[in-house]
Amino acid sequence: MQLELDELKTKILELLKKDEEFRYAIAGLIGMEEILRRLDSNEKELVKLWEEIKKLREDMIMGFTGHDEELKKLREDMSAGFSYMGRRLDALGARWGLMSEGAFREGIRALIEREFGWKVERGGLGLIVRA
């Protein structure tokens, strides 16, 4: 049995050296099997990678949702803060008379228009009264 196996090996080696077609056929068989084995392995790895990518994407979406909610809350807080500061500045301006001058002018304009029927407009040199 061993002798037959040794003879077969010798003949195969001779054929590989001498017969180009046989050599390419064997190389193709050996290479093809290895390639198919590697493709199967790569396919399994790709499936794992896509599963990891899917999980990462879900985690990112959850993270972004949390950030969006936090940004919304910060915007609301900032808006309330600006509104509060605006009211405080208006109160200071009213206390110092800054707002009362404008209110006085508006009151006089309304009085002139209502009582005399004249139109009061702002012109290049100040207020213009037209009958």
C-alpha atoms as a PDB file:
ATOM      1  CA  MET A   1       0.000   0.000   0.000  1.00  0.00           C
ATOM      2  CA  GLN A   2       2.749   2.460   0.968  1.00  0.00           C
ATOM      3  CA  LEU A   3       4.604   1.613  -2.209  1.00  0.00           C
ATOM      4  CA  GLU A   4       1.565   2.406  -4.346  1.00  0.00           C
ATOM      5  CA  LEU A   5       1.111   5.688  -2.503  1.00  0.00           C
ATOM      6  CA  ASP A   6       4.760   6.613  -3.036  1.00  0.00           C
ATOM      7  CA  GLU A   7       4.498   5.747  -6.745  1.00  0.00           C
ATOM      8  CA  LEU A   8       1.322   7.853  -7.033  1.00  0.00           C
ATOM      9  CA  LYS A   9       3.055  10.806  -5.392  1.00  0.00           C
ATOM     10  CA  THR A  10       6.027  10.454  -7.738  1.00  0.00           C
ATOM     11  CA  LYS A  11       3.777  10.303 -10.810  1.00  0.00           C
ATOM     12  CA  ILE A  12       1.783  13.323  -9.629  1.00  0.00           C
ATOM     13  CA  LEU A  13       5.011  15.303  -9.107  1.00  0.00           C
ATOM     14  CA  GLU A  14       6.245  14.303 -12.574  1.00  0.00           C
ATOM     15  CA  LEU A  15       2.927  15.308 -14.097  1.00  0.00           C
ATOM     16  CA  LEU A  16       3.066  18.645 -12.285  1.00  0.00           C
ATOM     17  CA  LYS A  17       6.544  19.261 -13.733  1.00  0.00           C
ATOM     18  CA  LYS A  18       5.803  18.100 -17.289  1.00  0.00           C
ATOM     19  CA  ASP A  19       2.084  18.603 -17.940  1.00  0.00           C
ATOM     20  CA  GLU A  20       1.152  22.283 -17.884  1.00  0.00           C
ATOM     21  CA  GLU A  21      -2.589  21.615 -18.234  1.00  0.00           C
ATOM     22  CA  PHE A  22      -2.504  19.195 -15.283  1.00  0.00           C
ATOM     23  CA  ARG A  23      -0.458  21.664 -13.247  1.00  0.00           C
ATOM     24  CA  TYR A  24      -3.010  24.447 -13.866  1.00  0.00           C
ATOM     25  CA  ALA A  25      -5.906  22.111 -13.075  1.00  0.00           C
ATOM     26  CA  ILE A  26      -4.374  21.153  -9.718  1.00  0.00           C
ATOM     27  CA  ALA A  27      -3.434  24.743  -8.912  1.00  0.00           C
ATOM     28  CA  GLY A  28      -6.971  25.816  -9.717  1.00  0.00           C
ATOM     29  CA  LEU A  29      -8.504  23.166  -7.504  1.00  0.00           C
ATOM     30  CA  ILE A  30      -6.215  23.943  -4.606  1.00  0.00           C
ATOM     31  CA  GLY A  31      -6.575  27.707  -5.012  1.00  0.00           C
ATOM     32  CA  MET A  32     -10.324  27.630  -5.597  1.00  0.00           C
ATOM     33  CA  GLU A  33     -10.992  25.653  -2.448  1.00  0.00           C
ATOM     34  CA  GLU A  34      -8.878  28.055  -0.426  1.00  0.00           C
ATOM     35  CA  ILE A  35     -10.565  31.041  -2.007  1.00  0.00           C
ATOM     36  CA  LEU A  36     -14.021  29.636  -1.256  1.00  0.00           C
ATOM     37  CA  ARG A  37     -12.991  28.921   2.335  1.00  0.00           C
ATOM     38  CA  ARG A  38     -11.712  32.480   2.728  1.00  0.00           C
ATOM     39  CA  LEU A  39     -14.874  33.917   1.151  1.00  0.00           C
ATOM     40  CA  ASP A  40     -17.016  32.010   3.639  1.00  0.00           C
ATOM     41  CA  SER A  41     -14.874  33.309   6.474  1.00  0.00           C
ATOM     42  CA  ASN A  42     -15.039  36.872   5.134  1.00  0.00           C
ATOM     43  CA  GLU A  43     -18.806  36.658   4.729  1.00  0.00           C
ATOM     44  CA  LYS A  44     -19.187  35.637   8.381  1.00  0.00           C
ATOM     45  CA  GLU A  45     -16.979  38.549   9.436  1.00  0.00           C
ATOM     46  CA  LEU A  46     -18.993  40.978   7.306  1.00  0.00           C
ATOM     47  CA  VAL A  47     -22.230  39.848   8.934  1.00  0.00           C
ATOM     48  CA  LYS A  48     -20.659  40.477  12.355  1.00  0.00           C
ATOM     49  CA  LEU A  49     -19.427  43.913  11.269  1.00  0.00           C
ATOM     50  CA  TRP A  50     -22.846  44.932   9.925  1.00  0.00           C
ATOM     51  CA  GLU A  51     -24.439  43.860  13.199  1.00  0.00           C
ATOM     52  CA  GLU A  52     -21.923  45.998  15.104  1.00  0.00           C
ATOM     53  CA  ILE A  53     -22.533  48.947  12.766  1.00  0.00           C
ATOM     54  CA  LYS A  54     -26.289  48.597  13.264  1.00  0.00           C
ATOM     55  CA  LYS A  55     -25.855  48.607  17.056  1.00  0.00           C
ATOM     56  CA  LEU A  56     -23.540  51.626  16.910  1.00  0.00           C
ATOM     57  CA  ARG A  57     -26.057  53.472  14.748  1.00  0.00           C
ATOM     58  CA  GLU A  58     -28.863  52.728  17.206  1.00  0.00           C
ATOM     59  CA  ASP A  59     -26.652  53.946  20.059  1.00  0.00           C
ATOM     60  CA  MET A  60     -25.846  57.140  18.145  1.00  0.00           C
ATOM     61  CA  ILE A  61     -29.527  57.815  17.419  1.00  0.00           C
ATOM     62  CA  MET A  62     -30.339  57.398  21.105  1.00  0.00           C
ATOM     63  CA  GLY A  63     -27.458  59.723  21.991  1.00  0.00           C
ATOM     64  CA  PHE A  64     -28.555  62.359  19.492  1.00  0.00           C
ATOM     65  CA  THR A  65     -32.105  62.178  20.799  1.00  0.00           C
ATOM     66  CA  GLY A  66     -30.786  62.885  24.296  1.00  0.00           C
ATOM     67  CA  HIS A  67     -28.711  65.793  22.990  1.00  0.00           C
ATOM     68  CA  ASP A  68     -31.675  67.206  21.065  1.00  0.00           C
ATOM     69  CA  GLU A  69     -33.797  67.169  24.208  1.00  0.00           C
ATOM     70  CA  GLU A  70     -31.021  68.840  26.202  1.00  0.00           C
ATOM     71  CA  LEU A  71     -30.546  71.518  23.511  1.00  0.00           C
ATOM     72  CA  LYS A  72     -34.285  72.208  23.488  1.00  0.00           C
ATOM     73  CA  LYS A  73     -34.247  72.653  27.268  1.00  0.00           C
ATOM     74  CA  LEU A  74     -31.204  74.943  27.050  1.00  0.00           C
ATOM     75  CA  ARG A  75     -32.937  77.042  24.357  1.00  0.00           C
ATOM     76  CA  GLU A  76     -36.009  77.388  26.554  1.00  0.00           C
ATOM     77  CA  ASP A  77     -33.847  78.342  29.541  1.00  0.00           C
ATOM     78  CA  MET A  78     -31.932  80.915  27.465  1.00  0.00           C
ATOM     79  CA  SER A  79     -35.136  82.380  26.050  1.00  0.00           C
ATOM     80  CA  ALA A  80     -36.593  82.724  29.545  1.00  0.00           C
ATOM     81  CA  GLY A  81     -33.329  84.302  30.729  1.00  0.00           C
ATOM     82  CA  PHE A  82     -33.289  86.825  27.883  1.00  0.00           C
ATOM     83  CA  SER A  83     -36.927  87.652  28.512  1.00  0.00           C
ATOM     84  CA  TYR A  84     -36.202  88.199  32.196  1.00  0.00           C
ATOM     85  CA  MET A  85     -33.201  90.427  31.378  1.00  0.00           C
ATOM     86  CA  GLY A  86     -35.313  92.410  28.909  1.00  0.00           C
ATOM     87  CA  ARG A  87     -37.958  93.039  31.575  1.00  0.00           C
ATOM     88  CA  ARG A  88     -35.304  94.081  34.068  1.00  0.00           C
ATOM     89  CA  LEU A  89     -33.736  96.493  31.560  1.00  0.00           C
ATOM     90  CA  ASP A  90     -37.152  97.953  30.732  1.00  0.00           C
ATOM     91  CA  ALA A  91     -37.795  98.451  34.437  1.00  0.00           C
ATOM     92  CA  LEU A  92     -34.470 100.226  34.836  1.00  0.00           C
ATOM     93  CA  GLY A  93     -35.156 102.382  31.773  1.00  0.00           C
ATOM     94  CA  ALA A  94     -38.608 103.319  33.073  1.00  0.00           C
ATOM     95  CA  ARG A  95     -37.110 104.148  36.427  1.00  0.00           C
ATOM     96  CA  TRP A  96     -34.617 106.477  34.795  1.00  0.00           C
ATOM     97  CA  GLY A  97     -37.190 108.032  32.473  1.00  0.00           C
ATOM     98  CA  LEU A  98     -35.917 106.549  29.221  1.00  0.00           C
ATOM     99  CA  MET A  99     -39.200 104.872  28.397  1.00  0.00           C
ATOM    100  CA  SER A 100     -41.408 107.727  29.608  1.00  0.00           C
ATOM    101  CA  GLU A 101     -40.139 110.155  26.939  1.00  0.00           C
ATOM    102  CA  GLY A 102     -41.280 107.850  24.155  1.00  0.00           C
ATOM    103  CA  ALA A 103     -44.585 107.240  25.891  1.00  0.00           C
ATOM    104  CA  PHE A 104     -45.085 111.019  26.278  1.00  0.00           C
ATOM    105  CA  ARG A 105     -44.412 111.599  22.568  1.00  0.00           C
ATOM    106  CA  GLU A 106     -46.824 108.841  21.567  1.00  0.00           C
ATOM    107  CA  GLY A 107     -49.475 110.293  23.891  1.00  0.00           C
ATOM    108  CA  ILE A 108     -49.134 113.783  22.395  1.00  0.00           C
ATOM    109  CA  ARG A 109     -49.259 112.379  18.840  1.00  0.00           C
ATOM    110  CA  ALA A 110     -52.451 110.460  19.596  1.00  0.00           C
ATOM    111  CA  LEU A 111     -53.983 113.512  21.270  1.00  0.00           C
ATOM    112  CA  ILE A 112     -53.238 115.803  18.289  1.00  0.00           C
ATOM    113  CA  GLU A 113     -54.570 113.272  15.801  1.00  0.00           C
ATOM    114  CA  ARG A 114     -57.725 112.570  17.807  1.00  0.00           C
ATOM    115  CA  GLU A 115     -58.588 116.120  18.914  1.00  0.00           C
ATOM    116  CA  PHE A 116     -57.559 118.094  15.838  1.00  0.00           C
ATOM    117  CA  GLY A 117     -57.735 115.407  13.139  1.00  0.00           C
ATOM    118  CA  TRP A 118     -54.206 116.150  12.064  1.00  0.00           C
ATOM    119  CA  LYS A 119     -51.642 113.540  10.989  1.00  0.00           C
ATOM    120  CA  VAL A 120     -48.332 113.464  12.899  1.00  0.00           C
ATOM    121  CA  GLU A 121     -45.372 111.893  11.064  1.00  0.00           C
ATOM    122  CA  ARG A 122     -41.689 111.556  11.703  1.00  0.00           C
ATOM    123  CA  GLY A 123     -39.688 113.598   9.190  1.00  0.00           C
ATOM    124  CA  GLY A 124     -36.025 114.245   8.534  1.00  0.00           C
ATOM    125  CA  LEU A 125     -35.947 117.194  10.979  1.00  0.00           C
ATOM    126  CA  GLY A 126     -38.319 115.788  13.599  1.00  0.00           C
ATOM    127  CA  LEU A 127     -42.093 115.542  13.815  1.00  0.00           C
ATOM    128  CA  ILE A 128     -44.270 116.968  11.029  1.00  0.00           C
ATOM    129  CA  VAL A 129     -47.884 117.884  11.664  1.00  0.00           C
ATOM    130  CA  ARG A 130     -50.193 117.945   8.628  1.00  0.00           C
ATOM    131  CA  ALA A 131     -53.755 119.113   8.611  1.00  0.00           C
END
